[in-house]
Amino acid sequence: MTSPKTKYIVESTTINSELKRLKAEYLVLRTHVPLAIGIRSDLIPVINLNSRNSRKVIRLICSCDAYLKNLAGGGDRFGLDGRVNGAVTEAEMKQAKERLLEVKINNLSEEKSSTVNQRAKLTRVLG
């Protein structure tokens, strides 16, 4: 019987391998350009995972820094076929910029916390 931790690792590998396959197959996913509104209905049938993990793949695609930076920059939105399918609105640009700022703040906070933890460990070891 596999432990929950092992099961998570197996599912994670499957999600990552599917994400790599999709990026190899679709230029718009590889280049992180803003995707068309409603692209989920186009992506779900081409993702070879269950519904839950398919949603995870879409979340990974749409929440990575490169995608958010392109979204914050505005411009056209694209369908899986590479054709223009709408434009990024000012509100969407603003939301992407805010999300990027949140991620940066969280990363700085995690780095600071990690540094504090490392100092505490050194203090205990060196006594």
N, C-alpha and C. Protein backbone atom coordinates (compact mmCIF):
# COMPACT_ATOMS: atom_id res chain seq x y z
N MET A 1 0.84 -1.18 0.00
CA MET A 1 0.00 0.00 0.00
C MET A 1 0.89 1.25 0.00
N THR A 2 0.56 2.22 -0.84
CA THR A 2 1.36 3.45 -0.89
C THR A 2 0.91 4.40 0.20
N SER A 3 1.89 5.09 0.74
CA SER A 3 1.57 6.07 1.77
C SER A 3 1.02 7.33 1.11
N PRO A 4 0.32 8.18 1.85
CA PRO A 4 -0.19 9.43 1.26
C PRO A 4 0.93 10.28 0.66
N LYS A 5 2.09 10.28 1.30
CA LYS A 5 3.21 11.07 0.78
C LYS A 5 3.66 10.54 -0.58
N THR A 6 3.77 9.21 -0.71
CA THR A 6 4.17 8.61 -1.98
C THR A 6 3.14 8.92 -3.05
N LYS A 7 1.87 8.79 -2.71
CA LYS A 7 0.80 9.07 -3.66
C LYS A 7 0.89 10.50 -4.16
N TYR A 8 1.17 11.45 -3.26
CA TYR A 8 1.29 12.85 -3.66
C TYR A 8 2.43 13.03 -4.64
N ILE A 9 3.56 12.39 -4.38
CA ILE A 9 4.73 12.52 -5.26
C ILE A 9 4.39 11.96 -6.64
N VAL A 10 3.72 10.83 -6.71
CA VAL A 10 3.35 10.23 -7.99
C VAL A 10 2.43 11.16 -8.75
N GLU A 11 1.40 11.71 -8.08
CA GLU A 11 0.48 12.63 -8.74
C GLU A 11 1.20 13.89 -9.20
N SER A 12 2.12 14.39 -8.38
CA SER A 12 2.86 15.59 -8.74
C SER A 12 3.69 15.36 -10.00
N THR A 13 4.34 14.21 -10.08
CA THR A 13 5.13 13.88 -11.25
C THR A 13 4.24 13.82 -12.49
N THR A 14 3.07 13.24 -12.35
CA THR A 14 2.14 13.14 -13.46
C THR A 14 1.70 14.54 -13.92
N ILE A 15 1.40 15.39 -12.98
CA ILE A 15 1.00 16.76 -13.30
C ILE A 15 2.14 17.47 -14.02
N ASN A 16 3.36 17.35 -13.50
CA ASN A 16 4.51 18.01 -14.12
C ASN A 16 4.80 17.46 -15.51
N SER A 17 4.70 16.15 -15.68
CA SER A 17 4.97 15.59 -17.01
C SER A 17 3.89 16.01 -18.01
N GLU A 18 2.66 16.09 -17.56
CA GLU A 18 1.57 16.55 -18.44
C GLU A 18 1.76 18.02 -18.80
N LEU A 19 2.19 18.82 -17.85
CA LEU A 19 2.46 20.23 -18.11
C LEU A 19 3.58 20.37 -19.15
N LYS A 20 4.63 19.58 -19.03
CA LYS A 20 5.72 19.61 -20.01
C LYS A 20 5.23 19.20 -21.39
N ARG A 21 4.39 18.17 -21.44
CA ARG A 21 3.84 17.72 -22.73
C ARG A 21 3.02 18.81 -23.39
N LEU A 22 2.16 19.47 -22.61
CA LEU A 22 1.32 20.53 -23.15
C LEU A 22 2.16 21.70 -23.66
N LYS A 23 3.20 22.05 -22.93
CA LYS A 23 4.06 23.16 -23.35
C LYS A 23 4.81 22.79 -24.62
N ALA A 24 5.18 21.54 -24.77
CA ALA A 24 5.86 21.10 -26.00
C ALA A 24 4.91 21.13 -27.19
N GLU A 25 3.64 20.84 -26.94
CA GLU A 25 2.65 20.76 -28.01
C GLU A 25 2.04 22.10 -28.41
N TYR A 26 1.93 23.03 -27.46
CA TYR A 26 1.24 24.30 -27.73
C TYR A 26 2.17 25.48 -27.46
N LEU A 27 2.49 26.21 -28.51
CA LEU A 27 3.37 27.37 -28.42
C LEU A 27 2.86 28.41 -27.43
N VAL A 28 1.55 28.63 -27.40
CA VAL A 28 1.00 29.66 -26.50
C VAL A 28 1.24 29.31 -25.03
N LEU A 29 1.31 28.04 -24.72
CA LEU A 29 1.58 27.64 -23.33
C LEU A 29 3.08 27.74 -23.03
N ARG A 30 3.89 27.46 -24.02
CA ARG A 30 5.34 27.52 -23.86
C ARG A 30 5.84 28.95 -23.70
N THR A 31 5.18 29.89 -24.35
CA THR A 31 5.63 31.29 -24.34
C THR A 31 4.94 32.13 -23.28
N HIS A 32 3.98 31.54 -22.56
CA HIS A 32 3.30 32.22 -21.45
C HIS A 32 2.54 33.48 -21.87
N VAL A 33 2.04 33.52 -23.08
CA VAL A 33 1.25 34.69 -23.51
C VAL A 33 -0.12 34.63 -22.83
N PRO A 34 -0.78 35.79 -22.68
CA PRO A 34 -2.12 35.78 -22.09
C PRO A 34 -3.07 34.89 -22.89
N LEU A 35 -3.78 34.04 -22.20
CA LEU A 35 -4.69 33.10 -22.85
C LEU A 35 -6.09 33.67 -22.94
N ALA A 36 -6.83 33.19 -23.93
CA ALA A 36 -8.19 33.66 -24.17
C ALA A 36 -9.07 33.38 -22.95
N ILE A 37 -10.03 34.27 -22.72
CA ILE A 37 -11.03 34.04 -21.69
C ILE A 37 -11.81 32.79 -22.08
N GLY A 38 -12.01 31.89 -21.14
CA GLY A 38 -12.75 30.66 -21.42
C GLY A 38 -11.90 29.55 -22.00
N ILE A 39 -10.58 29.69 -21.96
CA ILE A 39 -9.71 28.68 -22.56
C ILE A 39 -9.80 27.34 -21.83
N ARG A 40 -10.30 27.37 -20.61
CA ARG A 40 -10.42 26.14 -19.83
C ARG A 40 -11.19 25.07 -20.60
N SER A 41 -12.27 25.48 -21.29
CA SER A 41 -13.07 24.51 -22.04
C SER A 41 -12.30 23.92 -23.22
N ASP A 42 -11.29 24.63 -23.70
CA ASP A 42 -10.43 24.09 -24.76
C ASP A 42 -9.31 23.22 -24.19
N LEU A 43 -8.85 23.57 -22.99
CA LEU A 43 -7.74 22.84 -22.37
C LEU A 43 -8.16 21.50 -21.76
N ILE A 44 -9.29 21.47 -21.09
CA ILE A 44 -9.72 20.26 -20.38
C ILE A 44 -9.68 19.01 -21.27
N PRO A 45 -10.20 19.06 -22.49
CA PRO A 45 -10.18 17.85 -23.32
C PRO A 45 -8.77 17.39 -23.75
N VAL A 46 -7.80 18.30 -23.78
CA VAL A 46 -6.46 17.91 -24.23
C VAL A 46 -5.53 17.54 -23.08
N ILE A 47 -5.97 17.74 -21.83
CA ILE A 47 -5.17 17.37 -20.68
C ILE A 47 -5.50 15.93 -20.31
N ASN A 48 -4.49 15.09 -20.26
CA ASN A 48 -4.69 13.66 -20.01
C ASN A 48 -4.64 13.32 -18.52
N LEU A 49 -5.43 14.04 -17.73
CA LEU A 49 -5.50 13.80 -16.29
C LEU A 49 -6.95 13.86 -15.86
N ASN A 50 -7.22 13.45 -14.62
CA ASN A 50 -8.58 13.56 -14.11
C ASN A 50 -8.94 15.04 -13.93
N SER A 51 -10.19 15.29 -13.65
CA SER A 51 -10.69 16.67 -13.56
C SER A 51 -9.93 17.50 -12.53
N ARG A 52 -9.72 16.92 -11.36
CA ARG A 52 -9.03 17.65 -10.28
C ARG A 52 -7.61 18.05 -10.69
N ASN A 53 -6.88 17.10 -11.24
CA ASN A 53 -5.50 17.39 -11.64
C ASN A 53 -5.44 18.26 -12.90
N SER A 54 -6.44 18.18 -13.73
CA SER A 54 -6.51 19.07 -14.90
C SER A 54 -6.63 20.52 -14.45
N ARG A 55 -7.43 20.74 -13.41
CA ARG A 55 -7.57 22.10 -12.87
C ARG A 55 -6.25 22.57 -12.27
N LYS A 56 -5.51 21.66 -11.66
CA LYS A 56 -4.19 22.01 -11.11
C LYS A 56 -3.24 22.44 -12.21
N VAL A 57 -3.26 21.72 -13.33
CA VAL A 57 -2.40 22.07 -14.47
C VAL A 57 -2.75 23.47 -14.97
N ILE A 58 -4.03 23.76 -15.12
CA ILE A 58 -4.45 25.08 -15.60
C ILE A 58 -4.03 26.16 -14.61
N ARG A 59 -4.16 25.87 -13.31
CA ARG A 59 -3.74 26.83 -12.29
C ARG A 59 -2.24 27.09 -12.37
N LEU A 60 -1.46 26.03 -12.59
CA LEU A 60 0.00 26.20 -12.72
C LEU A 60 0.34 27.06 -13.93
N ILE A 61 -0.35 26.84 -15.02
CA ILE A 61 -0.11 27.62 -16.24
C ILE A 61 -0.41 29.10 -16.01
N CYS A 62 -1.54 29.38 -15.37
CA CYS A 62 -2.02 30.75 -15.24
C CYS A 62 -1.50 31.50 -14.01
N SER A 63 -0.72 30.83 -13.18
CA SER A 63 -0.22 31.51 -11.99
C SER A 63 1.29 31.66 -11.96
N CYS A 64 1.97 31.19 -12.99
CA CYS A 64 3.43 31.32 -12.99
C CYS A 64 3.83 32.78 -13.24
N ASP A 65 4.99 33.15 -12.74
CA ASP A 65 5.47 34.54 -12.85
C ASP A 65 5.51 35.03 -14.29
N ALA A 66 6.02 34.20 -15.20
CA ALA A 66 6.14 34.62 -16.60
C ALA A 66 4.77 34.95 -17.20
N TYR A 67 3.77 34.12 -16.89
CA TYR A 67 2.42 34.37 -17.40
C TYR A 67 1.86 35.66 -16.81
N LEU A 68 2.02 35.83 -15.50
CA LEU A 68 1.50 37.04 -14.84
C LEU A 68 2.19 38.30 -15.36
N LYS A 69 3.49 38.22 -15.63
CA LYS A 69 4.22 39.37 -16.18
C LYS A 69 3.69 39.74 -17.56
N ASN A 70 3.44 38.73 -18.40
CA ASN A 70 2.88 39.01 -19.73
C ASN A 70 1.46 39.56 -19.63
N LEU A 71 0.70 39.03 -18.70
CA LEU A 71 -0.66 39.52 -18.49
C LEU A 71 -0.63 40.97 -18.00
N ALA A 72 0.28 41.28 -17.09
CA ALA A 72 0.41 42.64 -16.56
C ALA A 72 0.84 43.62 -17.64
N GLY A 73 1.53 43.12 -18.65
CA GLY A 73 1.98 43.97 -19.76
C GLY A 73 0.88 44.28 -20.76
N GLY A 74 -0.23 43.58 -20.65
CA GLY A 74 -1.36 43.84 -21.55
C GLY A 74 -1.16 43.20 -22.92
N GLY A 75 -1.97 43.65 -23.87
CA GLY A 75 -1.88 43.14 -25.24
C GLY A 75 -2.99 42.17 -25.55
N ASP A 76 -2.74 41.35 -26.56
CA ASP A 76 -3.74 40.40 -27.03
C ASP A 76 -3.77 39.13 -26.18
N ARG A 77 -4.91 38.47 -26.22
CA ARG A 77 -5.08 37.14 -25.63
C ARG A 77 -5.12 36.14 -26.78
N PHE A 78 -4.68 34.91 -26.51
CA PHE A 78 -4.57 33.93 -27.57
C PHE A 78 -5.27 32.62 -27.22
N GLY A 79 -5.82 31.97 -28.24
CA GLY A 79 -6.39 30.64 -28.09
C GLY A 79 -5.30 29.60 -28.26
N LEU A 80 -5.62 28.34 -28.05
CA LEU A 80 -4.64 27.27 -28.19
C LEU A 80 -4.09 27.18 -29.60
N ASP A 81 -4.87 27.62 -30.58
CA ASP A 81 -4.42 27.58 -31.98
C ASP A 81 -3.46 28.72 -32.32
N GLY A 82 -3.21 29.61 -31.36
CA GLY A 82 -2.28 30.72 -31.60
C GLY A 82 -2.92 31.96 -32.19
N ARG A 83 -4.20 31.91 -32.44
CA ARG A 83 -4.90 33.06 -33.00
C ARG A 83 -5.33 34.02 -31.90
N VAL A 84 -5.33 35.31 -32.24
CA VAL A 84 -5.77 36.33 -31.28
C VAL A 84 -7.23 36.10 -30.94
N ASN A 85 -7.52 36.16 -29.64
CA ASN A 85 -8.88 35.92 -29.18
C ASN A 85 -9.17 36.86 -28.01
N GLY A 86 -9.26 38.14 -28.30
CA GLY A 86 -9.55 39.13 -27.27
C GLY A 86 -8.31 39.90 -26.85
N ALA A 87 -8.52 40.77 -25.87
CA ALA A 87 -7.43 41.60 -25.37
C ALA A 87 -7.48 41.64 -23.85
N VAL A 88 -6.33 41.90 -23.25
CA VAL A 88 -6.24 42.03 -21.80
C VAL A 88 -6.79 43.41 -21.41
N THR A 89 -7.69 43.44 -20.44
CA THR A 89 -8.27 44.72 -19.99
C THR A 89 -7.36 45.38 -18.96
N GLU A 90 -7.61 46.65 -18.72
CA GLU A 90 -6.85 47.39 -17.70
C GLU A 90 -7.01 46.73 -16.33
N ALA A 91 -8.23 46.32 -16.01
CA ALA A 91 -8.49 45.68 -14.71
C ALA A 91 -7.69 44.38 -14.57
N GLU A 92 -7.60 43.61 -15.64
CA GLU A 92 -6.83 42.36 -15.61
C GLU A 92 -5.34 42.64 -15.47
N MET A 93 -4.88 43.70 -16.12
CA MET A 93 -3.48 44.09 -15.99
C MET A 93 -3.18 44.47 -14.54
N LYS A 94 -4.06 45.25 -13.96
CA LYS A 94 -3.89 45.68 -12.57
C LYS A 94 -3.88 44.48 -11.62
N GLN A 95 -4.81 43.56 -11.83
CA GLN A 95 -4.91 42.38 -10.98
C GLN A 95 -3.63 41.52 -11.10
N ALA A 96 -3.09 41.39 -12.29
CA ALA A 96 -1.87 40.61 -12.49
C ALA A 96 -0.69 41.28 -11.78
N LYS A 97 -0.62 42.61 -11.86
CA LYS A 97 0.45 43.34 -11.17
C LYS A 97 0.36 43.15 -9.66
N GLU A 98 -0.86 43.20 -9.14
CA GLU A 98 -1.07 43.01 -7.70
C GLU A 98 -0.68 41.59 -7.28
N ARG A 99 -1.02 40.61 -8.10
CA ARG A 99 -0.67 39.22 -7.80
C ARG A 99 0.85 39.03 -7.80
N LEU A 100 1.53 39.64 -8.76
CA LEU A 100 3.00 39.57 -8.82
C LEU A 100 3.62 40.19 -7.57
N LEU A 101 3.05 41.30 -7.13
CA LEU A 101 3.55 41.96 -5.92
C LEU A 101 3.34 41.06 -4.69
N GLU A 102 2.17 40.42 -4.61
CA GLU A 102 1.89 39.49 -3.50
C GLU A 102 2.91 38.36 -3.48
N VAL A 103 3.19 37.80 -4.64
CA VAL A 103 4.15 36.69 -4.74
C VAL A 103 5.53 37.16 -4.29
N LYS A 104 5.92 38.34 -4.72
CA LYS A 104 7.23 38.87 -4.34
C LYS A 104 7.32 39.08 -2.83
N ILE A 105 6.27 39.64 -2.25
CA ILE A 105 6.23 39.87 -0.80
C ILE A 105 6.30 38.54 -0.06
N ASN A 106 5.54 37.55 -0.52
CA ASN A 106 5.56 36.23 0.12
C ASN A 106 6.94 35.59 0.03
N ASN A 107 7.59 35.73 -1.12
CA ASN A 107 8.93 35.16 -1.29
C ASN A 107 9.93 35.83 -0.35
N LEU A 108 9.85 37.15 -0.22
CA LEU A 108 10.74 37.86 0.69
C LEU A 108 10.49 37.45 2.13
N SER A 109 9.23 37.29 2.48
CA SER A 109 8.86 36.87 3.83
C SER A 109 9.40 35.48 4.13
N GLU A 110 9.27 34.56 3.15
CA GLU A 110 9.78 33.20 3.33
C GLU A 110 11.30 33.20 3.46
N GLU A 111 11.98 34.03 2.67
CA GLU A 111 13.44 34.11 2.76
C GLU A 111 13.86 34.62 4.14
N LYS A 112 13.16 35.64 4.63
CA LYS A 112 13.48 36.20 5.94
C LYS A 112 13.25 35.16 7.02
N SER A 113 12.14 34.45 6.94
CA SER A 113 11.82 33.41 7.92
C SER A 113 12.87 32.30 7.89
N SER A 114 13.29 31.93 6.71
CA SER A 114 14.31 30.89 6.55
C SER A 114 15.63 31.34 7.18
N THR A 115 16.00 32.59 6.97
CA THR A 115 17.23 33.14 7.53
C THR A 115 17.16 33.15 9.06
N VAL A 116 16.03 33.54 9.61
CA VAL A 116 15.85 33.57 11.06
C VAL A 116 15.96 32.15 11.62
N ASN A 117 15.34 31.18 10.95
CA ASN A 117 15.41 29.79 11.40
C ASN A 117 16.84 29.26 11.35
N GLN A 118 17.56 29.61 10.29
CA GLN A 118 18.95 29.17 10.18
C GLN A 118 19.81 29.77 11.29
N ARG A 119 19.59 31.03 11.60
CA ARG A 119 20.34 31.68 12.69
C ARG A 119 20.03 31.01 14.03
N ALA A 120 18.76 30.69 14.26
CA ALA A 120 18.36 30.04 15.51
C ALA A 120 19.04 28.67 15.64
N LYS A 121 19.08 27.92 14.54
CA LYS A 121 19.74 26.61 14.57
C LYS A 121 21.23 26.75 14.86
N LEU A 122 21.87 27.72 14.21
CA LEU A 122 23.30 27.95 14.45
C LEU A 122 23.56 28.34 15.90
N THR A 123 22.69 29.16 16.44
CA THR A 123 22.83 29.58 17.83
C THR A 123 22.73 28.39 18.76
N ARG A 124 21.78 27.49 18.50
CA ARG A 124 21.63 26.28 19.32
C ARG A 124 22.85 25.38 19.20
N VAL A 125 23.35 25.22 17.98
CA VAL A 125 24.49 24.33 17.74
C VAL A 125 25.76 24.90 18.38
N LEU A 126 25.98 26.20 18.20
CA LEU A 126 27.19 26.81 18.70
C LEU A 126 27.09 27.12 20.19
N GLY A 127 25.87 27.16 20.68
CA GLY A 127 25.58 27.32 22.10
C GLY A 127 26.09 28.56 22.67
